[in-house]
Amino acid sequence: MTSYSNIGGNSGVAAYRYDSDSICVQFNSGATYSYTYASAGASNVEHMKDLAEQGHGLNSFINRVVKRLFASKQALLRRRVCRKIVNRHHPV
């Protein structure tokens, strides 16, 4: 996973990883959520990717727009497991 820049200094997001049609977001609590085109919509996932790269606004966007639209949730998730979960729901 890539560390989230957290430019504002108060984000709950710790790290993220994305591929063509999904993004996995790890929070400071250790919980990791996977959002896919199918679960959250392509435009929302693409916007989340942009916010992740910018290092600002991702936590807020998740709380306001896609909070319950995740494809999967894991309490403590490693990068390789996140990839498997995304692929299980949406094979490449």
PDB file of N, CA and C in Angstrom:
ATOM      1  N   MET A   1       0.845  -1.187   0.000  1.00  0.00           N
ATOM      2  CA  MET A   1       0.000   0.000   0.000  1.00  0.00           C
ATOM      3  C   MET A   1       0.882   1.240   0.000  1.00  0.00           C
ATOM      4  N   THR A   2       0.325   2.311  -0.506  1.00  0.00           N
ATOM      5  CA  THR A   2       1.011   3.594  -0.540  1.00  0.00           C
ATOM      6  C   THR A   2       0.551   4.425   0.647  1.00  0.00           C
ATOM      7  N   SER A   3       1.474   5.010   1.388  1.00  0.00           N
ATOM      8  CA  SER A   3       1.110   5.873   2.511  1.00  0.00           C
ATOM      9  C   SER A   3       0.359   7.096   2.007  1.00  0.00           C
ATOM     10  N   TYR A   4      -0.710   7.439   2.703  1.00  0.00           N
ATOM     11  CA  TYR A   4      -1.503   8.613   2.369  1.00  0.00           C
ATOM     12  C   TYR A   4      -0.769   9.852   2.872  1.00  0.00           C
ATOM     13  N   SER A   5      -0.627  10.867   2.036  1.00  0.00           N
ATOM     14  CA  SER A   5       0.144  12.069   2.394  1.00  0.00           C
ATOM     15  C   SER A   5      -0.451  12.844   3.551  1.00  0.00           C
ATOM     16  N   ASN A   6      -1.770  12.880   3.672  1.00  0.00           N
ATOM     17  CA  ASN A   6      -2.447  13.562   4.774  1.00  0.00           C
ATOM     18  C   ASN A   6      -1.983  15.009   4.918  1.00  0.00           C
ATOM     19  N   ILE A   7      -2.121  15.752   3.854  1.00  0.00           N
ATOM     20  CA  ILE A   7      -1.661  17.140   3.822  1.00  0.00           C
ATOM     21  C   ILE A   7      -2.308  17.986   4.911  1.00  0.00           C
ATOM     22  N   GLY A   8      -3.584  17.757   5.194  1.00  0.00           N
ATOM     23  CA  GLY A   8      -4.276  18.523   6.221  1.00  0.00           C
ATOM     24  C   GLY A   8      -3.885  18.138   7.637  1.00  0.00           C
ATOM     25  N   GLY A   9      -3.294  16.960   7.805  1.00  0.00           N
ATOM     26  CA  GLY A   9      -2.809  16.539   9.109  1.00  0.00           C
ATOM     27  C   GLY A   9      -3.826  15.901  10.028  1.00  0.00           C
ATOM     28  N   ASN A  10      -5.081  15.772   9.601  1.00  0.00           N
ATOM     29  CA  ASN A  10      -6.092  15.226  10.508  1.00  0.00           C
ATOM     30  C   ASN A  10      -6.938  14.125   9.875  1.00  0.00           C
ATOM     31  N   SER A  11      -6.410  13.452   8.883  1.00  0.00           N
ATOM     32  CA  SER A  11      -7.168  12.413   8.185  1.00  0.00           C
ATOM     33  C   SER A  11      -7.140  11.097   8.941  1.00  0.00           C
ATOM     34  N   GLY A  12      -8.202  10.331   8.794  1.00  0.00           N
ATOM     35  CA  GLY A  12      -8.250   8.986   9.335  1.00  0.00           C
ATOM     36  C   GLY A  12      -7.662   7.959   8.386  1.00  0.00           C
ATOM     37  N   VAL A  13      -7.270   8.394   7.179  1.00  0.00           N
ATOM     38  CA  VAL A  13      -6.712   7.494   6.169  1.00  0.00           C
ATOM     39  C   VAL A  13      -5.211   7.340   6.388  1.00  0.00           C
ATOM     40  N   ALA A  14      -4.747   6.098   6.395  1.00  0.00           N
ATOM     41  CA  ALA A  14      -3.321   5.814   6.572  1.00  0.00           C
ATOM     42  C   ALA A  14      -2.642   5.449   5.258  1.00  0.00           C
ATOM     43  N   ALA A  15      -3.332   4.677   4.416  1.00  0.00           N
ATOM     44  CA  ALA A  15      -2.716   4.183   3.183  1.00  0.00           C
ATOM     45  C   ALA A  15      -3.798   3.801   2.181  1.00  0.00           C
ATOM     46  N   TYR A  16      -3.370   3.588   0.944  1.00  0.00           N
ATOM     47  CA  TYR A  16      -4.312   3.200  -0.108  1.00  0.00           C
ATOM     48  C   TYR A  16      -3.588   2.397  -1.178  1.00  0.00           C
ATOM     49  N   ARG A  17      -4.384   1.697  -1.954  1.00  0.00           N
ATOM     50  CA  ARG A  17      -3.888   0.976  -3.126  1.00  0.00           C
ATOM     51  C   ARG A  17      -5.039   0.905  -4.113  1.00  0.00           C
ATOM     52  N   TYR A  18      -4.741   1.115  -5.380  1.00  0.00           N
ATOM     53  CA  TYR A  18      -5.820   0.987  -6.357  1.00  0.00           C
ATOM     54  C   TYR A  18      -5.356   0.299  -7.620  1.00  0.00           C
ATOM     55  N   ASP A  19      -6.342  -0.196  -8.361  1.00  0.00           N
ATOM     56  CA  ASP A  19      -6.092  -0.746  -9.685  1.00  0.00           C
ATOM     57  C   ASP A  19      -7.128  -0.136 -10.628  1.00  0.00           C
ATOM     58  N   SER A  20      -7.349  -0.734 -11.765  1.00  0.00           N
ATOM     59  CA  SER A  20      -8.173  -0.098 -12.790  1.00  0.00           C
ATOM     60  C   SER A  20      -9.612   0.171 -12.362  1.00  0.00           C
ATOM     61  N   ASP A  21     -10.208  -0.681 -11.531  1.00  0.00           N
ATOM     62  CA  ASP A  21     -11.622  -0.493 -11.192  1.00  0.00           C
ATOM     63  C   ASP A  21     -11.929  -0.580  -9.699  1.00  0.00           C
ATOM     64  N   SER A  22     -10.925  -0.326  -8.853  1.00  0.00           N
ATOM     65  CA  SER A  22     -11.158  -0.396  -7.414  1.00  0.00           C
ATOM     66  C   SER A  22     -10.090   0.377  -6.650  1.00  0.00           C
ATOM     67  N   ILE A  23     -10.410   0.641  -5.383  1.00  0.00           N
ATOM     68  CA  ILE A  23      -9.445   1.244  -4.471  1.00  0.00           C
ATOM     69  C   ILE A  23      -9.633   0.604  -3.101  1.00  0.00           C
ATOM     70  N   CYS A  24      -8.540   0.293  -2.440  1.00  0.00           N
ATOM     71  CA  CYS A  24      -8.542  -0.194  -1.062  1.00  0.00           C
ATOM     72  C   CYS A  24      -7.991   0.931  -0.199  1.00  0.00           C
ATOM     73  N   VAL A  25      -8.695   1.239   0.865  1.00  0.00           N
ATOM     74  CA  VAL A  25      -8.285   2.322   1.758  1.00  0.00           C
ATOM     75  C   VAL A  25      -8.093   1.754   3.155  1.00  0.00           C
ATOM     76  N   GLN A  26      -6.892   1.945   3.705  1.00  0.00           N
ATOM     77  CA  GLN A  26      -6.617   1.519   5.075  1.00  0.00           C
ATOM     78  C   GLN A  26      -6.681   2.740   5.978  1.00  0.00           C
ATOM     79  N   PHE A  27      -7.433   2.605   7.057  1.00  0.00           N
ATOM     80  CA  PHE A  27      -7.583   3.695   8.014  1.00  0.00           C
ATOM     81  C   PHE A  27      -6.596   3.530   9.164  1.00  0.00           C
ATOM     82  N   ASN A  28      -6.435   4.579   9.942  1.00  0.00           N
ATOM     83  CA  ASN A  28      -5.501   4.551  11.067  1.00  0.00           C
ATOM     84  C   ASN A  28      -5.840   3.444  12.061  1.00  0.00           C
ATOM     85  N   SER A  29      -7.095   3.043  12.120  1.00  0.00           N
ATOM     86  CA  SER A  29      -7.529   1.965  13.017  1.00  0.00           C
ATOM     87  C   SER A  29      -7.014   0.604  12.576  1.00  0.00           C
ATOM     88  N   GLY A  30      -6.540   0.513  11.334  1.00  0.00           N
ATOM     89  CA  GLY A  30      -6.109  -0.759  10.768  1.00  0.00           C
ATOM     90  C   GLY A  30      -7.157  -1.384   9.870  1.00  0.00           C
ATOM     91  N   ALA A  31      -8.395  -0.917   9.956  1.00  0.00           N
ATOM     92  CA  ALA A  31      -9.459  -1.436   9.092  1.00  0.00           C
ATOM     93  C   ALA A  31      -9.201  -1.022   7.649  1.00  0.00           C
ATOM     94  N   THR A  32      -9.466  -1.931   6.736  1.00  0.00           N
ATOM     95  CA  THR A  32      -9.287  -1.665   5.314  1.00  0.00           C
ATOM     96  C   THR A  32     -10.592  -1.928   4.589  1.00  0.00           C
ATOM     97  N   TYR A  33     -10.996  -0.975   3.775  1.00  0.00           N
ATOM     98  CA  TYR A  33     -12.224  -1.081   2.997  1.00  0.00           C
ATOM     99  C   TYR A  33     -11.876  -1.084   1.521  1.00  0.00           C
ATOM    100  N   SER A  34     -12.554  -1.941   0.777  1.00  0.00           N
ATOM    101  CA  SER A  34     -12.392  -1.994  -0.673  1.00  0.00           C
ATOM    102  C   SER A  34     -13.635  -1.399  -1.319  1.00  0.00           C
ATOM    103  N   TYR A  35     -13.424  -0.462  -2.216  1.00  0.00           N
ATOM    104  CA  TYR A  35     -14.502   0.158  -2.981  1.00  0.00           C
ATOM    105  C   TYR A  35     -14.269  -0.172  -4.446  1.00  0.00           C
ATOM    106  N   THR A  36     -15.297  -0.650  -5.126  1.00  0.00           N
ATOM    107  CA  THR A  36     -15.172  -1.041  -6.526  1.00  0.00           C
ATOM    108  C   THR A  36     -16.155  -0.249  -7.380  1.00  0.00           C
ATOM    109  N   TYR A  37     -15.950  -0.316  -8.679  1.00  0.00           N
ATOM    110  CA  TYR A  37     -16.911   0.300  -9.596  1.00  0.00           C
ATOM    111  C   TYR A  37     -18.315  -0.236  -9.315  1.00  0.00           C
ATOM    112  N   ALA A  38     -18.421  -1.535  -9.078  1.00  0.00           N
ATOM    113  CA  ALA A  38     -19.732  -2.149  -8.860  1.00  0.00           C
ATOM    114  C   ALA A  38     -20.367  -1.716  -7.542  1.00  0.00           C
ATOM    115  N   SER A  39     -19.563  -1.517  -6.499  1.00  0.00           N
ATOM    116  CA  SER A  39     -20.132  -1.186  -5.188  1.00  0.00           C
ATOM    117  C   SER A  39     -20.370   0.308  -4.995  1.00  0.00           C
ATOM    118  N   ALA A  40     -19.462   1.138  -5.475  1.00  0.00           N
ATOM    119  CA  ALA A  40     -19.529   2.580  -5.200  1.00  0.00           C
ATOM    120  C   ALA A  40     -19.727   3.433  -6.445  1.00  0.00           C
ATOM    121  N   GLY A  41     -19.613   2.840  -7.614  1.00  0.00           N
ATOM    122  CA  GLY A  41     -19.747   3.595  -8.858  1.00  0.00           C
ATOM    123  C   GLY A  41     -18.394   4.037  -9.384  1.00  0.00           C
ATOM    124  N   ALA A  42     -18.255   3.983 -10.693  1.00  0.00           N
ATOM    125  CA  ALA A  42     -16.978   4.316 -11.331  1.00  0.00           C
ATOM    126  C   ALA A  42     -16.537   5.741 -11.034  1.00  0.00           C
ATOM    127  N   SER A  43     -17.457   6.701 -11.107  1.00  0.00           N
ATOM    128  CA  SER A  43     -17.059   8.099 -10.890  1.00  0.00           C
ATOM    129  C   SER A  43     -16.588   8.323  -9.461  1.00  0.00           C
ATOM    130  N   ASN A  44     -17.231   7.687  -8.489  1.00  0.00           N
ATOM    131  CA  ASN A  44     -16.797   7.823  -7.095  1.00  0.00           C
ATOM    132  C   ASN A  44     -15.424   7.195  -6.878  1.00  0.00           C
ATOM    133  N   VAL A  45     -15.202   6.016  -7.436  1.00  0.00           N
ATOM    134  CA  VAL A  45     -13.903   5.350  -7.276  1.00  0.00           C
ATOM    135  C   VAL A  45     -12.803   6.172  -7.938  1.00  0.00           C
ATOM    136  N   GLU A  46     -13.058   6.688  -9.119  1.00  0.00           N
ATOM    137  CA  GLU A  46     -12.055   7.515  -9.797  1.00  0.00           C
ATOM    138  C   GLU A  46     -11.765   8.788  -9.003  1.00  0.00           C
ATOM    139  N   HIS A  47     -12.799   9.380  -8.412  1.00  0.00           N
ATOM    140  CA  HIS A  47     -12.590  10.574  -7.585  1.00  0.00           C
ATOM    141  C   HIS A  47     -11.768  10.220  -6.341  1.00  0.00           C
ATOM    142  N   MET A  48     -12.026   9.072  -5.756  1.00  0.00           N
ATOM    143  CA  MET A  48     -11.257   8.624  -4.598  1.00  0.00           C
ATOM    144  C   MET A  48      -9.790   8.423  -4.961  1.00  0.00           C
ATOM    145  N   LYS A  49      -9.523   7.886  -6.139  1.00  0.00           N
ATOM    146  CA  LYS A  49      -8.140   7.720  -6.598  1.00  0.00           C
ATOM    147  C   LYS A  49      -7.453   9.076  -6.703  1.00  0.00           C
ATOM    148  N   ASP A  50      -8.152  10.059  -7.277  1.00  0.00           N
ATOM    149  CA  ASP A  50      -7.587  11.407  -7.397  1.00  0.00           C
ATOM    150  C   ASP A  50      -7.295  12.005  -6.025  1.00  0.00           C
ATOM    151  N   LEU A  51      -8.245  11.879  -5.103  1.00  0.00           N
ATOM    152  CA  LEU A  51      -8.049  12.417  -3.755  1.00  0.00           C
ATOM    153  C   LEU A  51      -6.900  11.710  -3.041  1.00  0.00           C
ATOM    154  N   ALA A  52      -6.775  10.413  -3.245  1.00  0.00           N
ATOM    155  CA  ALA A  52      -5.674   9.659  -2.633  1.00  0.00           C
ATOM    156  C   ALA A  52      -4.332  10.180  -3.131  1.00  0.00           C
ATOM    157  N   GLU A  53      -4.229  10.409  -4.421  1.00  0.00           N
ATOM    158  CA  GLU A  53      -2.988  10.935  -5.002  1.00  0.00           C
ATOM    159  C   GLU A  53      -2.691  12.344  -4.500  1.00  0.00           C
ATOM    160  N   GLN A  54      -3.730  13.152  -4.312  1.00  0.00           N
ATOM    161  CA  GLN A  54      -3.552  14.527  -3.828  1.00  0.00           C
ATOM    162  C   GLN A  54      -3.170  14.561  -2.352  1.00  0.00           C
ATOM    163  N   GLY A  55      -3.553  13.526  -1.607  1.00  0.00           N
ATOM    164  CA  GLY A  55      -3.249  13.486  -0.178  1.00  0.00           C
ATOM    165  C   GLY A  55      -4.132  14.383   0.655  1.00  0.00           C
ATOM    166  N   HIS A  56      -5.304  14.700   0.123  1.00  0.00           N
ATOM    167  CA  HIS A  56      -6.206  15.616   0.831  1.00  0.00           C
ATOM    168  C   HIS A  56      -7.654  15.338   0.435  1.00  0.00           C
ATOM    169  N   GLY A  57      -8.536  15.200   1.421  1.00  0.00           N
ATOM    170  CA  GLY A  57      -9.965  15.107   1.165  1.00  0.00           C
ATOM    171  C   GLY A  57     -10.556  13.709   1.059  1.00  0.00           C
ATOM    172  N   LEU A  58      -9.736  12.681   1.082  1.00  0.00           N
ATOM    173  CA  LEU A  58     -10.255  11.326   0.894  1.00  0.00           C
ATOM    174  C   LEU A  58     -11.141  10.885   2.054  1.00  0.00           C
ATOM    175  N   ASN A  59     -10.701  11.082   3.273  1.00  0.00           N
ATOM    176  CA  ASN A  59     -11.493  10.682   4.434  1.00  0.00           C
ATOM    177  C   ASN A  59     -12.843  11.390   4.446  1.00  0.00           C
ATOM    178  N   SER A  60     -12.840  12.666   4.171  1.00  0.00           N
ATOM    179  CA  SER A  60     -14.076  13.448   4.138  1.00  0.00           C
ATOM    180  C   SER A  60     -15.023  12.937   3.055  1.00  0.00           C
ATOM    181  N   PHE A  61     -14.491  12.670   1.864  1.00  0.00           N
ATOM    182  CA  PHE A  61     -15.314  12.167   0.764  1.00  0.00           C
ATOM    183  C   PHE A  61     -15.934  10.819   1.125  1.00  0.00           C
ATOM    184  N   ILE A  62     -15.145   9.952   1.719  1.00  0.00           N
ATOM    185  CA  ILE A  62     -15.670   8.646   2.122  1.00  0.00           C
ATOM    186  C   ILE A  62     -16.814   8.826   3.110  1.00  0.00           C
ATOM    187  N   ASN A  63     -16.621   9.657   4.119  1.00  0.00           N
ATOM    188  CA  ASN A  63     -17.662   9.867   5.129  1.00  0.00           C
ATOM    189  C   ASN A  63     -18.919  10.514   4.564  1.00  0.00           C
ATOM    190  N   ARG A  64     -18.757  11.408   3.608  1.00  0.00           N
ATOM    191  CA  ARG A  64     -19.913  12.118   3.047  1.00  0.00           C
ATOM    192  C   ARG A  64     -20.640  11.357   1.942  1.00  0.00           C
ATOM    193  N   VAL A  65     -19.897  10.583   1.140  1.00  0.00           N
ATOM    194  CA  VAL A  65     -20.489  10.063  -0.095  1.00  0.00           C
ATOM    195  C   VAL A  65     -20.553   8.532  -0.169  1.00  0.00           C
ATOM    196  N   VAL A  66     -19.478   7.846   0.163  1.00  0.00           N
ATOM    197  CA  VAL A  66     -19.428   6.398  -0.102  1.00  0.00           C
ATOM    198  C   VAL A  66     -19.288   5.531   1.148  1.00  0.00           C
ATOM    199  N   LYS A  67     -19.539   6.091   2.293  1.00  0.00           N
ATOM    200  CA  LYS A  67     -19.272   5.400   3.557  1.00  0.00           C
ATOM    201  C   LYS A  67     -19.753   3.947   3.577  1.00  0.00           C
ATOM    202  N   ARG A  68     -20.954   3.684   3.158  1.00  0.00           N
ATOM    203  CA  ARG A  68     -21.515   2.334   3.225  1.00  0.00           C
ATOM    204  C   ARG A  68     -21.507   1.600   1.880  1.00  0.00           C
ATOM    205  N   LEU A  69     -20.835   2.147   0.904  1.00  0.00           N
ATOM    206  CA  LEU A  69     -20.828   1.562  -0.437  1.00  0.00           C
ATOM    207  C   LEU A  69     -19.596   0.695  -0.701  1.00  0.00           C
ATOM    208  N   PHE A  70     -18.997   0.161   0.346  1.00  0.00           N
ATOM    209  CA  PHE A  70     -17.791  -0.649   0.172  1.00  0.00           C
ATOM    210  C   PHE A  70     -18.150  -2.059  -0.300  1.00  0.00           C
ATOM    211  N   ALA A  71     -17.211  -2.670  -1.018  1.00  0.00           N
ATOM    212  CA  ALA A  71     -17.383  -4.046  -1.492  1.00  0.00           C
ATOM    213  C   ALA A  71     -16.985  -5.044  -0.417  1.00  0.00           C
ATOM    214  N   SER A  72     -15.993  -4.676   0.398  1.00  0.00           N
ATOM    215  CA  SER A  72     -15.552  -5.550   1.482  1.00  0.00           C
ATOM    216  C   SER A  72     -14.855  -4.731   2.548  1.00  0.00           C
ATOM    217  N   LYS A  73     -14.772  -5.335   3.740  1.00  0.00           N
ATOM    218  CA  LYS A  73     -14.132  -4.685   4.882  1.00  0.00           C
ATOM    219  C   LYS A  73     -13.336  -5.747   5.626  1.00  0.00           C
ATOM    220  N   GLN A  74     -12.130  -5.373   6.037  1.00  0.00           N
ATOM    221  CA  GLN A  74     -11.300  -6.263   6.844  1.00  0.00           C
ATOM    222  C   GLN A  74     -10.748  -5.468   8.013  1.00  0.00           C
ATOM    223  N   ALA A  75     -10.695  -6.092   9.195  1.00  0.00           N
ATOM    224  CA  ALA A  75     -10.190  -5.396  10.374  1.00  0.00           C
ATOM    225  C   ALA A  75      -8.703  -5.091  10.231  1.00  0.00           C
ATOM    226  N   LEU A  76      -7.903  -6.084   9.927  1.00  0.00           N
ATOM    227  CA  LEU A  76      -6.476  -5.896   9.695  1.00  0.00           C
ATOM    228  C   LEU A  76      -6.161  -6.596   8.393  1.00  0.00           C
ATOM    229  N   LEU A  77      -5.746  -5.833   7.412  1.00  0.00           N
ATOM    230  CA  LEU A  77      -5.602  -6.400   6.085  1.00  0.00           C
ATOM    231  C   LEU A  77      -4.262  -6.044   5.494  1.00  0.00           C
ATOM    232  N   ARG A  78      -3.590  -7.016   4.946  1.00  0.00           N
ATOM    233  CA  ARG A  78      -2.326  -6.767   4.257  1.00  0.00           C
ATOM    234  C   ARG A  78      -2.603  -6.507   2.793  1.00  0.00           C
ATOM    235  N   ARG A  79      -1.666  -5.896   2.140  1.00  0.00           N
ATOM    236  CA  ARG A  79      -1.806  -5.520   0.738  1.00  0.00           C
ATOM    237  C   ARG A  79      -2.212  -6.707  -0.135  1.00  0.00           C
ATOM    238  N   ARG A  80      -1.561  -7.827   0.015  1.00  0.00           N
ATOM    239  CA  ARG A  80      -1.844  -8.962  -0.864  1.00  0.00           C
ATOM    240  C   ARG A  80      -3.257  -9.494  -0.644  1.00  0.00           C
ATOM    241  N   VAL A  81      -3.753  -9.441   0.591  1.00  0.00           N
ATOM    242  CA  VAL A  81      -5.113  -9.892   0.865  1.00  0.00           C
ATOM    243  C   VAL A  81      -6.112  -8.926   0.252  1.00  0.00           C
ATOM    244  N   CYS A  82      -5.836  -7.653   0.341  1.00  0.00           N
ATOM    245  CA  CYS A  82      -6.711  -6.646  -0.254  1.00  0.00           C
ATOM    246  C   CYS A  82      -6.871  -6.925  -1.741  1.00  0.00           C
ATOM    247  N   ARG A  83      -5.804  -7.223  -2.388  1.00  0.00           N
ATOM    248  CA  ARG A  83      -5.836  -7.518  -3.821  1.00  0.00           C
ATOM    249  C   ARG A  83      -6.719  -8.732  -4.102  1.00  0.00           C
ATOM    250  N   LYS A  84      -6.594  -9.767  -3.284  1.00  0.00           N
ATOM    251  CA  LYS A  84      -7.389 -10.970  -3.485  1.00  0.00           C
ATOM    252  C   LYS A  84      -8.874 -10.691  -3.297  1.00  0.00           C
ATOM    253  N   ILE A  85      -9.224  -9.891  -2.308  1.00  0.00           N
ATOM    254  CA  ILE A  85     -10.629  -9.581  -2.066  1.00  0.00           C
ATOM    255  C   ILE A  85     -11.214  -8.838  -3.256  1.00  0.00           C
ATOM    256  N   VAL A  86     -10.506  -7.851  -3.742  1.00  0.00           N
ATOM    257  CA  VAL A  86     -10.994  -7.097  -4.891  1.00  0.00           C
ATOM    258  C   VAL A  86     -11.166  -8.024  -6.081  1.00  0.00           C
ATOM    259  N   ASN A  87     -10.201  -8.881  -6.329  1.00  0.00           N
ATOM    260  CA  ASN A  87     -10.286  -9.788  -7.468  1.00  0.00           C
ATOM    261  C   ASN A  87     -11.391 -10.821  -7.295  1.00  0.00           C
ATOM    262  N   ARG A  88     -11.683 -11.220  -6.081  1.00  0.00           N
ATOM    263  CA  ARG A  88     -12.744 -12.192  -5.856  1.00  0.00           C
ATOM    264  C   ARG A  88     -14.093 -11.607  -6.252  1.00  0.00           C
ATOM    265  N   HIS A  89     -14.320 -10.339  -5.951  1.00  0.00           N
ATOM    266  CA  HIS A  89     -15.585  -9.696  -6.287  1.00  0.00           C
ATOM    267  C   HIS A  89     -15.663  -9.308  -7.755  1.00  0.00           C
ATOM    268  N   HIS A  90     -14.535  -8.969  -8.331  1.00  0.00           N
ATOM    269  CA  HIS A  90     -14.493  -8.500  -9.715  1.00  0.00           C
ATOM    270  C   HIS A  90     -13.258  -9.047 -10.393  1.00  0.00           C
ATOM    271  N   PRO A  91     -13.325 -10.272 -10.901  1.00  0.00           N
ATOM    272  CA  PRO A  91     -12.152 -10.855 -11.557  1.00  0.00           C
ATOM    273  C   PRO A  91     -11.666  -9.994 -12.711  1.00  0.00           C
ATOM    274  N   VAL A  92     -10.365  -9.952 -12.851  1.00  0.00           N
ATOM    275  CA  VAL A  92      -9.765  -9.155 -13.919  1.00  0.00           C
ATOM    276  C   VAL A  92      -9.822  -9.908 -15.223  1.00  0.00           C
TER     277      VAL A  92
END
